[in-house]
Amino acid sequence: MWYVQQDDDLLTTVRKMNEYGSEKGIINQLVVIDNNHNIVGIISDGDIIKAIKI
């Protein structure tokens, strides 16, 4: 399962999306887990774009 920790920053999340992706592109969604490995959400590339919107 491809995931990020809930306290990972946006740069780490984007790097993981790129790392987990194939040659054709990045993964556009990742599961978000807490310290107990419980799923607490999903982050998408759209969420990231909204977060860095100037």
Protein backbone atom coordinates (compact mmCIF):
# COMPACT_ATOMS: atom_id res chain seq x y z
CA MET A 1 0.00 0.00 0.00
CA TRP A 2 1.30 3.45 -0.88
CA TYR A 3 0.97 5.86 2.02
CA VAL A 4 2.23 8.91 3.88
CA GLN A 5 2.22 9.60 7.60
CA GLN A 6 -0.25 12.24 8.76
CA ASP A 7 2.62 14.47 9.88
CA ASP A 8 4.54 14.27 6.57
CA ASP A 9 4.92 17.63 4.85
CA LEU A 10 3.84 18.44 1.29
CA LEU A 11 7.34 18.03 -0.14
CA THR A 12 7.62 14.53 1.31
CA THR A 13 4.18 13.67 -0.04
CA VAL A 14 5.03 14.88 -3.55
CA ARG A 15 8.32 12.97 -3.46
CA LYS A 16 6.49 9.78 -2.46
CA MET A 17 3.91 10.27 -5.23
CA ASN A 18 6.78 10.58 -7.70
CA GLU A 19 8.75 7.67 -6.20
CA TYR A 20 5.78 5.29 -6.20
CA GLY A 21 4.73 6.26 -9.72
CA SER A 22 5.71 4.61 -12.93
CA GLU A 23 7.59 6.03 -15.89
CA LYS A 24 4.25 7.35 -17.16
CA GLY A 25 3.67 9.67 -14.20
CA ILE A 26 3.13 10.06 -10.51
CA ILE A 27 0.62 8.44 -8.21
CA ASN A 28 -2.19 10.96 -7.80
CA GLN A 29 -3.49 9.75 -4.42
CA LEU A 30 -1.92 8.37 -1.27
CA VAL A 31 -3.45 6.88 1.85
CA VAL A 32 -2.71 8.88 5.01
CA ILE A 33 -1.98 6.86 8.15
CA ASP A 34 -1.44 7.78 11.79
CA ASN A 35 1.31 6.53 14.11
CA ASN A 36 -0.71 3.36 14.82
CA HIS A 37 -0.96 2.62 11.07
CA ASN A 38 -4.68 3.39 11.03
CA ILE A 39 -6.00 4.97 7.86
CA VAL A 40 -7.07 8.53 8.60
CA GLY A 41 -7.61 9.84 5.08
CA ILE A 42 -6.47 10.18 1.51
CA ILE A 43 -4.45 13.00 -0.02
CA SER A 44 -4.65 13.74 -3.73
CA ASP A 45 -2.70 15.86 -6.15
CA GLY A 46 -5.70 18.23 -6.14
CA ASP A 47 -5.35 18.65 -2.36
CA ILE A 48 -1.70 19.57 -2.83
CA ILE A 49 -2.51 22.09 -5.54
CA LYS A 50 -5.10 23.72 -3.26
CA ALA A 51 -2.57 23.84 -0.40
CA ILE A 52 0.09 25.63 -2.45
CA LYS A 53 -2.29 27.95 -4.29
CA ILE A 54 -0.91 31.47 -4.19
